[in-house]
């Protein structure tokens, strides 16, 4: 694990900003189990509150694990299928680049 840095997840739909989530270093790496129990409840609540039907995520192992797929199914969350080696066209990636640049500039990292 890196001695510095952040892991942050967030979501949006059009102009509607969803919740952000900071991953605490002491939780270790993102496993399917802690992804299901710590992050997916936020996803489900955001989707239901905003009457959205499809969730987009990348192909990280914790996102595509059989247990995660089963949990999403039980939560009635539909996931946009993403081919394994597709280019990352997720619009949130552009936001992360801007945020990272800003933090590095402001904090001289």
PDB file of N, CA and C in Angstrom:
ATOM      1  N   UNK A   1       0.850  -1.175   0.000  1.00  0.00           N
ATOM      2  CA  UNK A   1       0.000   0.000   0.000  1.00  0.00           C
ATOM      3  C   UNK A   1       0.895   1.237   0.000  1.00  0.00           C
ATOM      4  N   UNK A   2       0.492   2.253  -0.765  1.00  0.00           N
ATOM      5  CA  UNK A   2       1.251   3.481  -0.842  1.00  0.00           C
ATOM      6  C   UNK A   2       1.225   4.204   0.502  1.00  0.00           C
ATOM      7  N   UNK A   3       2.320   4.884   0.870  1.00  0.00           N
ATOM      8  CA  UNK A   3       2.328   5.627   2.128  1.00  0.00           C
ATOM      9  C   UNK A   3       1.548   6.934   2.052  1.00  0.00           C
ATOM     10  N   UNK A   4       1.131   7.319   0.851  1.00  0.00           N
ATOM     11  CA  UNK A   4       0.382   8.561   0.664  1.00  0.00           C
ATOM     12  C   UNK A   4      -0.647   8.339  -0.437  1.00  0.00           C
ATOM     13  N   UNK A   5      -1.489   9.315  -0.636  1.00  0.00           N
ATOM     14  CA  UNK A   5      -2.485   9.232  -1.697  1.00  0.00           C
ATOM     15  C   UNK A   5      -3.864   8.961  -1.138  1.00  0.00           C
ATOM     16  N   UNK A   6      -4.832   9.048  -2.034  1.00  0.00           N
ATOM     17  CA  UNK A   6      -6.211   8.838  -1.642  1.00  0.00           C
ATOM     18  C   UNK A   6      -6.879   7.882  -2.603  1.00  0.00           C
ATOM     19  N   UNK A   7      -7.885   7.232  -2.117  1.00  0.00           N
ATOM     20  CA  UNK A   7      -8.783   6.489  -2.993  1.00  0.00           C
ATOM     21  C   UNK A   7     -10.153   7.097  -2.750  1.00  0.00           C
ATOM     22  N   UNK A   8     -10.734   7.604  -3.804  1.00  0.00           N
ATOM     23  CA  UNK A   8     -12.006   8.285  -3.704  1.00  0.00           C
ATOM     24  C   UNK A   8     -12.916   7.770  -4.801  1.00  0.00           C
ATOM     25  N   UNK A   9     -14.149   7.491  -4.459  1.00  0.00           N
ATOM     26  CA  UNK A   9     -15.146   7.078  -5.445  1.00  0.00           C
ATOM     27  C   UNK A   9     -16.282   8.076  -5.402  1.00  0.00           C
ATOM     28  N   UNK A  10     -16.906   8.243  -6.525  1.00  0.00           N
ATOM     29  CA  UNK A  10     -18.035   9.158  -6.581  1.00  0.00           C
ATOM     30  C   UNK A  10     -18.924   8.792  -7.738  1.00  0.00           C
ATOM     31  N   UNK A  11     -20.051   9.460  -7.829  1.00  0.00           N
ATOM     32  CA  UNK A  11     -20.975   9.161  -8.913  1.00  0.00           C
ATOM     33  C   UNK A  11     -21.754  10.406  -9.287  1.00  0.00           C
ATOM     34  N   UNK A  12     -22.188  10.420 -10.526  1.00  0.00           N
ATOM     35  CA  UNK A  12     -23.054  11.481 -10.998  1.00  0.00           C
ATOM     36  C   UNK A  12     -23.903  10.946 -12.138  1.00  0.00           C
ATOM     37  N   UNK A  13     -24.979  11.647 -12.410  1.00  0.00           N
ATOM     38  CA  UNK A  13     -25.859  11.316 -13.537  1.00  0.00           C
ATOM     39  C   UNK A  13     -26.244  12.643 -14.169  1.00  0.00           C
ATOM     40  N   UNK A  14     -25.702  12.920 -15.347  1.00  0.00           N
ATOM     41  CA  UNK A  14     -25.947  14.209 -15.981  1.00  0.00           C
ATOM     42  C   UNK A  14     -25.426  15.318 -15.097  1.00  0.00           C
ATOM     43  N   UNK A  15     -26.291  16.223 -14.682  1.00  0.00           N
ATOM     44  CA  UNK A  15     -25.864  17.326 -13.821  1.00  0.00           C
ATOM     45  C   UNK A  15     -26.138  17.048 -12.340  1.00  0.00           C
ATOM     46  N   UNK A  16     -26.609  15.849 -12.018  1.00  0.00           N
ATOM     47  CA  UNK A  16     -26.916  15.487 -10.632  1.00  0.00           C
ATOM     48  C   UNK A  16     -25.685  14.835 -10.000  1.00  0.00           C
ATOM     49  N   UNK A  17     -25.166  15.479  -8.959  1.00  0.00           N
ATOM     50  CA  UNK A  17     -23.989  14.964  -8.259  1.00  0.00           C
ATOM     51  C   UNK A  17     -24.433  13.986  -7.185  1.00  0.00           C
ATOM     52  N   UNK A  18     -23.801  12.826  -7.163  1.00  0.00           N
ATOM     53  CA  UNK A  18     -24.103  11.826  -6.155  1.00  0.00           C
ATOM     54  C   UNK A  18     -23.124  11.904  -5.005  1.00  0.00           C
ATOM     55  N   UNK A  19     -23.200  10.957  -4.106  1.00  0.00           N
ATOM     56  CA  UNK A  19     -22.306  10.962  -2.949  1.00  0.00           C
ATOM     57  C   UNK A  19     -20.872  10.618  -3.343  1.00  0.00           C
ATOM     58  N   UNK A  20     -19.942  11.145  -2.581  1.00  0.00           N
ATOM     59  CA  UNK A  20     -18.536  10.784  -2.713  1.00  0.00           C
ATOM     60  C   UNK A  20     -18.171   9.848  -1.579  1.00  0.00           C
ATOM     61  N   UNK A  21     -17.125   9.092  -1.775  1.00  0.00           N
ATOM     62  CA  UNK A  21     -16.745   8.092  -0.774  1.00  0.00           C
ATOM     63  C   UNK A  21     -15.229   7.997  -0.709  1.00  0.00           C
ATOM     64  N   UNK A  22     -14.643   8.323   0.444  1.00  0.00           N
ATOM     65  CA  UNK A  22     -13.207   8.171   0.660  1.00  0.00           C
ATOM     66  C   UNK A  22     -12.923   6.786   1.230  1.00  0.00           C
ATOM     67  N   UNK A  23     -11.992   6.083   0.593  1.00  0.00           N
ATOM     68  CA  UNK A  23     -11.588   4.766   1.053  1.00  0.00           C
ATOM     69  C   UNK A  23     -10.473   4.932   2.075  1.00  0.00           C
ATOM     70  N   UNK A  24     -10.703   4.521   3.296  1.00  0.00           N
ATOM     71  CA  UNK A  24      -9.713   4.661   4.367  1.00  0.00           C
ATOM     72  C   UNK A  24      -8.564   3.690   4.163  1.00  0.00           C
ATOM     73  N   UNK A  25      -7.323   4.152   4.364  1.00  0.00           N
ATOM     74  CA  UNK A  25      -6.143   3.311   4.158  1.00  0.00           C
ATOM     75  C   UNK A  25      -6.143   2.060   5.036  1.00  0.00           C
ATOM     76  N   UNK A  26      -6.660   2.190   6.247  1.00  0.00           N
ATOM     77  CA  UNK A  26      -6.645   1.034   7.141  1.00  0.00           C
ATOM     78  C   UNK A  26      -7.580  -0.080   6.693  1.00  0.00           C
ATOM     79  N   UNK A  27      -8.453   0.187   5.722  1.00  0.00           N
ATOM     80  CA  UNK A  27      -9.318  -0.856   5.179  1.00  0.00           C
ATOM     81  C   UNK A  27      -8.578  -1.736   4.187  1.00  0.00           C
ATOM     82  N   UNK A  28      -7.384  -1.330   3.777  1.00  0.00           N
ATOM     83  CA  UNK A  28      -6.603  -2.118   2.824  1.00  0.00           C
ATOM     84  C   UNK A  28      -7.121  -1.962   1.406  1.00  0.00           C
ATOM     85  N   UNK A  29      -6.879  -2.978   0.602  1.00  0.00           N
ATOM     86  CA  UNK A  29      -7.299  -2.918  -0.799  1.00  0.00           C
ATOM     87  C   UNK A  29      -8.810  -3.101  -0.912  1.00  0.00           C
ATOM     88  N   UNK A  30      -9.325  -2.732  -2.050  1.00  0.00           N
ATOM     89  CA  UNK A  30     -10.765  -2.864  -2.295  1.00  0.00           C
ATOM     90  C   UNK A  30     -11.044  -4.299  -2.721  1.00  0.00           C
ATOM     91  N   UNK A  31     -11.685  -5.047  -1.846  1.00  0.00           N
ATOM     92  CA  UNK A  31     -12.088  -6.413  -2.169  1.00  0.00           C
ATOM     93  C   UNK A  31     -13.567  -6.396  -2.541  1.00  0.00           C
ATOM     94  N   UNK A  32     -14.013  -7.473  -3.122  1.00  0.00           N
ATOM     95  CA  UNK A  32     -15.428  -7.576  -3.475  1.00  0.00           C
ATOM     96  C   UNK A  32     -16.306  -7.410  -2.235  1.00  0.00           C
ATOM     97  N   UNK A  33     -15.904  -8.007  -1.130  1.00  0.00           N
ATOM     98  CA  UNK A  33     -16.731  -7.957   0.078  1.00  0.00           C
ATOM     99  C   UNK A  33     -16.870  -6.534   0.619  1.00  0.00           C
ATOM    100  N   UNK A  34     -15.751  -5.821   0.748  1.00  0.00           N
ATOM    101  CA  UNK A  34     -15.911  -4.473   1.303  1.00  0.00           C
ATOM    102  C   UNK A  34     -16.493  -3.503   0.280  1.00  0.00           C
ATOM    103  N   UNK A  35     -16.334  -3.768  -1.005  1.00  0.00           N
ATOM    104  CA  UNK A  35     -16.999  -2.970  -2.039  1.00  0.00           C
ATOM    105  C   UNK A  35     -18.520  -3.133  -1.909  1.00  0.00           C
ATOM    106  N   UNK A  36     -18.954  -4.364  -1.702  1.00  0.00           N
ATOM    107  CA  UNK A  36     -20.390  -4.651  -1.559  1.00  0.00           C
ATOM    108  C   UNK A  36     -20.964  -3.977  -0.320  1.00  0.00           C
ATOM    109  N   UNK A  37     -20.288  -4.105   0.806  1.00  0.00           N
ATOM    110  CA  UNK A  37     -20.871  -3.644   2.063  1.00  0.00           C
ATOM    111  C   UNK A  37     -20.630  -2.165   2.352  1.00  0.00           C
ATOM    112  N   UNK A  38     -19.569  -1.581   1.798  1.00  0.00           N
ATOM    113  CA  UNK A  38     -19.273  -0.181   2.092  1.00  0.00           C
ATOM    114  C   UNK A  38     -19.732   0.784   0.997  1.00  0.00           C
ATOM    115  N   UNK A  39     -19.618   0.384  -0.256  1.00  0.00           N
ATOM    116  CA  UNK A  39     -19.895   1.323  -1.343  1.00  0.00           C
ATOM    117  C   UNK A  39     -21.230   1.090  -2.043  1.00  0.00           C
ATOM    118  N   UNK A  40     -21.581  -0.148  -2.306  1.00  0.00           N
ATOM    119  CA  UNK A  40     -22.799  -0.413  -3.077  1.00  0.00           C
ATOM    120  C   UNK A  40     -24.091   0.103  -2.433  1.00  0.00           C
ATOM    121  N   UNK A  41     -24.208   0.160  -1.105  1.00  0.00           N
ATOM    122  CA  UNK A  41     -25.422   0.771  -0.547  1.00  0.00           C
ATOM    123  C   UNK A  41     -25.600   2.232  -0.982  1.00  0.00           C
ATOM    124  N   UNK A  42     -24.493   2.968  -1.131  1.00  0.00           N
ATOM    125  CA  UNK A  42     -24.571   4.346  -1.622  1.00  0.00           C
ATOM    126  C   UNK A  42     -25.053   4.381  -3.069  1.00  0.00           C
ATOM    127  N   UNK A  43     -24.544   3.454  -3.867  1.00  0.00           N
ATOM    128  CA  UNK A  43     -24.944   3.362  -5.274  1.00  0.00           C
ATOM    129  C   UNK A  43     -26.444   3.107  -5.364  1.00  0.00           C
ATOM    130  N   UNK A  44     -26.894   2.128  -4.635  1.00  0.00           N
ATOM    131  CA  UNK A  44     -28.319   1.763  -4.683  1.00  0.00           C
ATOM    132  C   UNK A  44     -29.201   2.937  -4.263  1.00  0.00           C
ATOM    133  N   UNK A  45     -28.832   3.610  -3.188  1.00  0.00           N
ATOM    134  CA  UNK A  45     -29.621   4.749  -2.708  1.00  0.00           C
ATOM    135  C   UNK A  45     -29.638   5.879  -3.738  1.00  0.00           C
ATOM    136  N   UNK A  46     -28.490   6.166  -4.349  1.00  0.00           N
ATOM    137  CA  UNK A  46     -28.413   7.224  -5.357  1.00  0.00           C
ATOM    138  C   UNK A  46     -29.281   6.898  -6.562  1.00  0.00           C
ATOM    139  N   UNK A  47     -29.198   5.666  -7.028  1.00  0.00           N
ATOM    140  CA  UNK A  47     -30.002   5.265  -8.182  1.00  0.00           C
ATOM    141  C   UNK A  47     -31.492   5.379  -7.886  1.00  0.00           C
ATOM    142  N   UNK A  48     -31.897   4.900  -6.734  1.00  0.00           N
ATOM    143  CA  UNK A  48     -33.329   4.925  -6.386  1.00  0.00           C
ATOM    144  C   UNK A  48     -33.834   6.343  -6.144  1.00  0.00           C
ATOM    145  N   UNK A  49     -33.035   7.156  -5.468  1.00  0.00           N
ATOM    146  CA  UNK A  49     -33.443   8.533  -5.193  1.00  0.00           C
ATOM    147  C   UNK A  49     -33.644   9.320  -6.476  1.00  0.00           C
ATOM    148  N   UNK A  50     -32.804   9.057  -7.464  1.00  0.00           N
ATOM    149  CA  UNK A  50     -32.853   9.808  -8.717  1.00  0.00           C
ATOM    150  C   UNK A  50     -33.572   9.065  -9.835  1.00  0.00           C
ATOM    151  N   UNK A  51     -34.240   7.973  -9.484  1.00  0.00           N
ATOM    152  CA  UNK A  51     -35.002   7.162 -10.434  1.00  0.00           C
ATOM    153  C   UNK A  51     -34.172   6.781 -11.665  1.00  0.00           C
ATOM    154  N   UNK A  52     -32.969   6.319 -11.399  1.00  0.00           N
ATOM    155  CA  UNK A  52     -32.066   5.872 -12.456  1.00  0.00           C
ATOM    156  C   UNK A  52     -32.090   4.354 -12.508  1.00  0.00           C
ATOM    157  N   UNK A  53     -31.781   3.800 -13.655  1.00  0.00           N
ATOM    158  CA  UNK A  53     -31.900   2.358 -13.781  1.00  0.00           C
ATOM    159  C   UNK A  53     -30.585   1.636 -14.084  1.00  0.00           C
ATOM    160  N   UNK A  54     -29.552   2.342 -14.536  1.00  0.00           N
ATOM    161  CA  UNK A  54     -28.318   1.661 -14.929  1.00  0.00           C
ATOM    162  C   UNK A  54     -27.123   2.296 -14.236  1.00  0.00           C
ATOM    163  N   UNK A  55     -26.233   1.444 -13.759  1.00  0.00           N
ATOM    164  CA  UNK A  55     -25.015   1.867 -13.070  1.00  0.00           C
ATOM    165  C   UNK A  55     -23.821   1.498 -13.946  1.00  0.00           C
ATOM    166  N   UNK A  56     -22.885   2.424 -14.089  1.00  0.00           N
ATOM    167  CA  UNK A  56     -21.671   2.161 -14.858  1.00  0.00           C
ATOM    168  C   UNK A  56     -20.488   2.122 -13.903  1.00  0.00           C
ATOM    169  N   UNK A  57     -19.689   1.080 -14.027  1.00  0.00           N
ATOM    170  CA  UNK A  57     -18.459   0.961 -13.242  1.00  0.00           C
ATOM    171  C   UNK A  57     -17.395   0.373 -14.149  1.00  0.00           C
ATOM    172  N   UNK A  58     -16.160   0.376 -13.681  1.00  0.00           N
ATOM    173  CA  UNK A  58     -15.108  -0.193 -14.530  1.00  0.00           C
ATOM    174  C   UNK A  58     -15.005  -1.695 -14.281  1.00  0.00           C
ATOM    175  N   UNK A  59     -14.008  -2.309 -14.851  1.00  0.00           N
ATOM    176  CA  UNK A  59     -13.856  -3.763 -14.730  1.00  0.00           C
ATOM    177  C   UNK A  59     -12.856  -4.181 -13.658  1.00  0.00           C
ATOM    178  N   UNK A  60     -12.754  -3.409 -12.603  1.00  0.00           N
ATOM    179  CA  UNK A  60     -11.898  -3.812 -11.485  1.00  0.00           C
ATOM    180  C   UNK A  60     -12.391  -5.156 -10.951  1.00  0.00           C
ATOM    181  N   UNK A  61     -11.493  -5.944 -10.428  1.00  0.00           N
ATOM    182  CA  UNK A  61     -11.874  -7.285  -9.946  1.00  0.00           C
ATOM    183  C   UNK A  61     -12.983  -7.252  -8.904  1.00  0.00           C
ATOM    184  N   UNK A  62     -12.910  -6.271  -8.009  1.00  0.00           N
ATOM    185  CA  UNK A  62     -13.951  -6.192  -6.975  1.00  0.00           C
ATOM    186  C   UNK A  62     -15.308  -5.860  -7.577  1.00  0.00           C
ATOM    187  N   UNK A  63     -15.332  -5.231  -8.752  1.00  0.00           N
ATOM    188  CA  UNK A  63     -16.588  -4.867  -9.401  1.00  0.00           C
ATOM    189  C   UNK A  63     -17.178  -6.030 -10.204  1.00  0.00           C
ATOM    190  N   UNK A  64     -16.317  -6.907 -10.702  1.00  0.00           N
ATOM    191  CA  UNK A  64     -16.780  -7.977 -11.586  1.00  0.00           C
ATOM    192  C   UNK A  64     -16.809  -9.352 -10.929  1.00  0.00           C
ATOM    193  N   UNK A  65     -16.438  -9.422  -9.661  1.00  0.00           N
ATOM    194  CA  UNK A  65     -16.446 -10.703  -8.960  1.00  0.00           C
ATOM    195  C   UNK A  65     -17.857 -11.299  -8.946  1.00  0.00           C
ATOM    196  N   UNK A  66     -17.939 -12.601  -8.941  1.00  0.00           N
ATOM    197  CA  UNK A  66     -19.250 -13.269  -8.941  1.00  0.00           C
ATOM    198  C   UNK A  66     -20.113 -12.822  -7.771  1.00  0.00           C
ATOM    199  N   UNK A  67     -19.497 -12.650  -6.608  1.00  0.00           N
ATOM    200  CA  UNK A  67     -20.275 -12.245  -5.433  1.00  0.00           C
ATOM    201  C   UNK A  67     -20.792 -10.818  -5.580  1.00  0.00           C
ATOM    202  N   UNK A  68     -20.019  -9.953  -6.234  1.00  0.00           N
ATOM    203  CA  UNK A  68     -20.474  -8.582  -6.484  1.00  0.00           C
ATOM    204  C   UNK A  68     -21.627  -8.584  -7.478  1.00  0.00           C
ATOM    205  N   UNK A  69     -21.487  -9.359  -8.533  1.00  0.00           N
ATOM    206  CA  UNK A  69     -22.551  -9.474  -9.527  1.00  0.00           C
ATOM    207  C   UNK A  69     -23.833  -9.973  -8.872  1.00  0.00           C
ATOM    208  N   UNK A  70     -23.708 -10.947  -8.000  1.00  0.00           N
ATOM    209  CA  UNK A  70     -24.881 -11.480  -7.294  1.00  0.00           C
ATOM    210  C   UNK A  70     -25.485 -10.426  -6.367  1.00  0.00           C
ATOM    211  N   UNK A  71     -24.635  -9.672  -5.667  1.00  0.00           N
ATOM    212  CA  UNK A  71     -25.141  -8.632  -4.767  1.00  0.00           C
ATOM    213  C   UNK A  71     -25.870  -7.542  -5.535  1.00  0.00           C
ATOM    214  N   UNK A  72     -25.313  -7.134  -6.669  1.00  0.00           N
ATOM    215  CA  UNK A  72     -25.974  -6.129  -7.503  1.00  0.00           C
ATOM    216  C   UNK A  72     -27.330  -6.631  -7.987  1.00  0.00           C
ATOM    217  N   UNK A  73     -27.387  -7.886  -8.336  1.00  0.00           N
ATOM    218  CA  UNK A  73     -28.643  -8.494  -8.773  1.00  0.00           C
ATOM    219  C   UNK A  73     -29.669  -8.473  -7.632  1.00  0.00           C
ATOM    220  N   UNK A  74     -29.248  -8.857  -6.433  1.00  0.00           N
ATOM    221  CA  UNK A  74     -30.147  -8.833  -5.272  1.00  0.00           C
ATOM    222  C   UNK A  74     -30.617  -7.418  -4.946  1.00  0.00           C
ATOM    223  N   UNK A  75     -29.730  -6.430  -5.167  1.00  0.00           N
ATOM    224  CA  UNK A  75     -30.080  -5.028  -4.918  1.00  0.00           C
ATOM    225  C   UNK A  75     -30.899  -4.430  -6.066  1.00  0.00           C
ATOM    226  N   UNK A  76     -31.116  -5.235  -7.100  1.00  0.00           N
ATOM    227  CA  UNK A  76     -31.845  -4.800  -8.291  1.00  0.00           C
ATOM    228  C   UNK A  76     -31.169  -3.606  -8.972  1.00  0.00           C
ATOM    229  N   UNK A  77     -29.840  -3.665  -9.047  1.00  0.00           N
ATOM    230  CA  UNK A  77     -29.051  -2.640  -9.722  1.00  0.00           C
ATOM    231  C   UNK A  77     -28.574  -3.219 -11.050  1.00  0.00           C
ATOM    232  N   UNK A  78     -28.983  -2.592 -12.149  1.00  0.00           N
ATOM    233  CA  UNK A  78     -28.541  -3.011 -13.466  1.00  0.00           C
ATOM    234  C   UNK A  78     -27.197  -2.345 -13.763  1.00  0.00           C
ATOM    235  N   UNK A  79     -26.261  -3.123 -14.291  1.00  0.00           N
ATOM    236  CA  UNK A  79     -24.924  -2.615 -14.585  1.00  0.00           C
ATOM    237  C   UNK A  79     -24.724  -2.571 -16.091  1.00  0.00           C
ATOM    238  N   UNK A  80     -24.208  -1.449 -16.575  1.00  0.00           N
ATOM    239  CA  UNK A  80     -23.857  -1.327 -17.980  1.00  0.00           C
ATOM    240  C   UNK A  80     -22.696  -2.268 -18.261  1.00  0.00           C
ATOM    241  N   UNK A  81     -22.875  -3.169 -19.202  1.00  0.00           N
ATOM    242  CA  UNK A  81     -21.812  -4.125 -19.522  1.00  0.00           C
ATOM    243  C   UNK A  81     -20.673  -3.405 -20.218  1.00  0.00           C
ATOM    244  N   UNK A  82     -19.476  -3.715 -19.789  1.00  0.00           N
ATOM    245  CA  UNK A  82     -18.273  -3.052 -20.263  1.00  0.00           C
ATOM    246  C   UNK A  82     -17.294  -4.137 -20.661  1.00  0.00           C
ATOM    247  N   UNK A  83     -16.877  -4.181 -21.908  1.00  0.00           N
ATOM    248  CA  UNK A  83     -15.925  -5.201 -22.343  1.00  0.00           C
ATOM    249  C   UNK A  83     -14.607  -5.060 -21.591  1.00  0.00           C
ATOM    250  N   UNK A  84     -13.952  -6.174 -21.339  1.00  0.00           N
ATOM    251  CA  UNK A  84     -12.768  -6.205 -20.480  1.00  0.00           C
ATOM    252  C   UNK A  84     -11.646  -5.274 -20.921  1.00  0.00           C
ATOM    253  N   UNK A  85     -11.367  -5.167 -22.178  1.00  0.00           N
ATOM    254  CA  UNK A  85     -10.243  -4.332 -22.624  1.00  0.00           C
ATOM    255  C   UNK A  85     -10.719  -3.118 -23.421  1.00  0.00           C
ATOM    256  N   UNK A  86     -11.878  -2.595 -23.047  1.00  0.00           N
ATOM    257  CA  UNK A  86     -12.416  -1.417 -23.712  1.00  0.00           C
ATOM    258  C   UNK A  86     -11.649  -0.173 -23.269  1.00  0.00           C
ATOM    259  N   UNK A  87     -11.610   0.848 -24.133  1.00  0.00           N
ATOM    260  CA  UNK A  87     -11.029   2.113 -23.673  1.00  0.00           C
ATOM    261  C   UNK A  87     -11.893   2.666 -22.548  1.00  0.00           C
ATOM    262  N   UNK A  88     -11.281   3.368 -21.632  1.00  0.00           N
ATOM    263  CA  UNK A  88     -12.026   3.899 -20.492  1.00  0.00           C
ATOM    264  C   UNK A  88     -12.750   5.169 -20.917  1.00  0.00           C
ATOM    265  N   UNK A  89     -14.008   5.033 -21.282  1.00  0.00           N
ATOM    266  CA  UNK A  89     -14.809   6.159 -21.737  1.00  0.00           C
ATOM    267  C   UNK A  89     -15.747   6.670 -20.649  1.00  0.00           C
ATOM    268  N   UNK A  90     -15.548   6.193 -19.431  1.00  0.00           N
ATOM    269  CA  UNK A  90     -16.370   6.627 -18.320  1.00  0.00           C
ATOM    270  C   UNK A  90     -16.112   8.115 -18.074  1.00  0.00           C
ATOM    271  N   UNK A  91     -17.144   8.968 -18.139  1.00  0.00           N
ATOM    272  CA  UNK A  91     -16.925  10.408 -17.993  1.00  0.00           C
ATOM    273  C   UNK A  91     -16.350  10.828 -16.646  1.00  0.00           C
ATOM    274  N   UNK A  92     -16.518  10.028 -15.608  1.00  0.00           N
ATOM    275  CA  UNK A  92     -15.980  10.403 -14.296  1.00  0.00           C
ATOM    276  C   UNK A  92     -14.455  10.459 -14.319  1.00  0.00           C
ATOM    277  N   UNK A  93     -13.824   9.709 -15.231  1.00  0.00           N
ATOM    278  CA  UNK A  93     -12.358   9.716 -15.302  1.00  0.00           C
ATOM    279  C   UNK A  93     -11.817  11.106 -15.584  1.00  0.00           C
ATOM    280  N   UNK A  94     -12.528  11.890 -16.387  1.00  0.00           N
ATOM    281  CA  UNK A  94     -12.095  13.265 -16.649  1.00  0.00           C
ATOM    282  C   UNK A  94     -12.121  14.106 -15.378  1.00  0.00           C
ATOM    283  N   UNK A  95     -13.124  13.884 -14.542  1.00  0.00           N
ATOM    284  CA  UNK A  95     -13.223  14.608 -13.274  1.00  0.00           C
ATOM    285  C   UNK A  95     -12.055  14.238 -12.374  1.00  0.00           C
ATOM    286  N   UNK A  96     -11.696  12.947 -12.304  1.00  0.00           N
ATOM    287  CA  UNK A  96     -10.588  12.513 -11.443  1.00  0.00           C
ATOM    288  C   UNK A  96      -9.282  13.185 -11.861  1.00  0.00           C
ATOM    289  N   UNK A  97      -9.028  13.295 -13.165  1.00  0.00           N
ATOM    290  CA  UNK A  97      -7.800  13.928 -13.631  1.00  0.00           C
ATOM    291  C   UNK A  97      -7.731  15.387 -13.187  1.00  0.00           C
ATOM    292  N   UNK A  98      -8.836  16.101 -13.308  1.00  0.00           N
ATOM    293  CA  UNK A  98      -8.871  17.501 -12.891  1.00  0.00           C
ATOM    294  C   UNK A  98      -8.660  17.605 -11.382  1.00  0.00           C
ATOM    295  N   UNK A  99      -9.350  16.755 -10.612  1.00  0.00           N
ATOM    296  CA  UNK A  99      -9.200  16.781  -9.151  1.00  0.00           C
ATOM    297  C   UNK A  99      -7.775  16.464  -8.738  1.00  0.00           C
ATOM    298  N   UNK A 100      -7.169  15.453  -9.356  1.00  0.00           N
ATOM    299  CA  UNK A 100      -5.800  15.068  -9.008  1.00  0.00           C
ATOM    300  C   UNK A 100      -4.833  16.211  -9.292  1.00  0.00           C
ATOM    301  N   UNK A 101      -4.965  16.828 -10.451  1.00  0.00           N
ATOM    302  CA  UNK A 101      -4.097  17.957 -10.788  1.00  0.00           C
ATOM    303  C   UNK A 101      -4.260  19.098  -9.794  1.00  0.00           C
ATOM    304  N   UNK A 102      -5.486  19.396  -9.406  1.00  0.00           N
ATOM    305  CA  UNK A 102      -5.744  20.474  -8.458  1.00  0.00           C
ATOM    306  C   UNK A 102      -5.113  20.175  -7.099  1.00  0.00           C
ATOM    307  N   UNK A 103      -5.319  18.955  -6.610  1.00  0.00           N
ATOM    308  CA  UNK A 103      -4.757  18.582  -5.298  1.00  0.00           C
ATOM    309  C   UNK A 103      -3.242  18.638  -5.332  1.00  0.00           C
ATOM    310  N   UNK A 104      -2.624  18.105  -6.399  1.00  0.00           N
ATOM    311  CA  UNK A 104      -1.169  18.141  -6.496  1.00  0.00           C
ATOM    312  C   UNK A 104      -0.645  19.577  -6.552  1.00  0.00           C
ATOM    313  N   UNK A 105      -1.356  20.466  -7.238  1.00  0.00           N
ATOM    314  CA  UNK A 105      -0.933  21.855  -7.334  1.00  0.00           C
ATOM    315  C   UNK A 105      -1.103  22.562  -5.988  1.00  0.00           C
ATOM    316  N   UNK A 106      -2.265  22.393  -5.380  1.00  0.00           N
ATOM    317  CA  UNK A 106      -2.566  23.102  -4.123  1.00  0.00           C
ATOM    318  C   UNK A 106      -1.716  22.620  -2.954  1.00  0.00           C
ATOM    319  N   UNK A 107      -1.369  21.340  -2.943  1.00  0.00           N
ATOM    320  CA  UNK A 107      -0.655  20.772  -1.804  1.00  0.00           C
ATOM    321  C   UNK A 107       0.782  20.417  -2.125  1.00  0.00           C
ATOM    322  N   UNK A 108       1.248  20.806  -3.296  1.00  0.00           N
ATOM    323  CA  UNK A 108       2.633  20.586  -3.704  1.00  0.00           C
ATOM    324  C   UNK A 108       3.065  19.140  -3.518  1.00  0.00           C
ATOM    325  N   UNK A 109       2.260  18.237  -4.033  1.00  0.00           N
ATOM    326  CA  UNK A 109       2.535  16.804  -3.886  1.00  0.00           C
ATOM    327  C   UNK A 109       3.324  16.319  -5.080  1.00  0.00           C
TER     328      UNK A 109
END
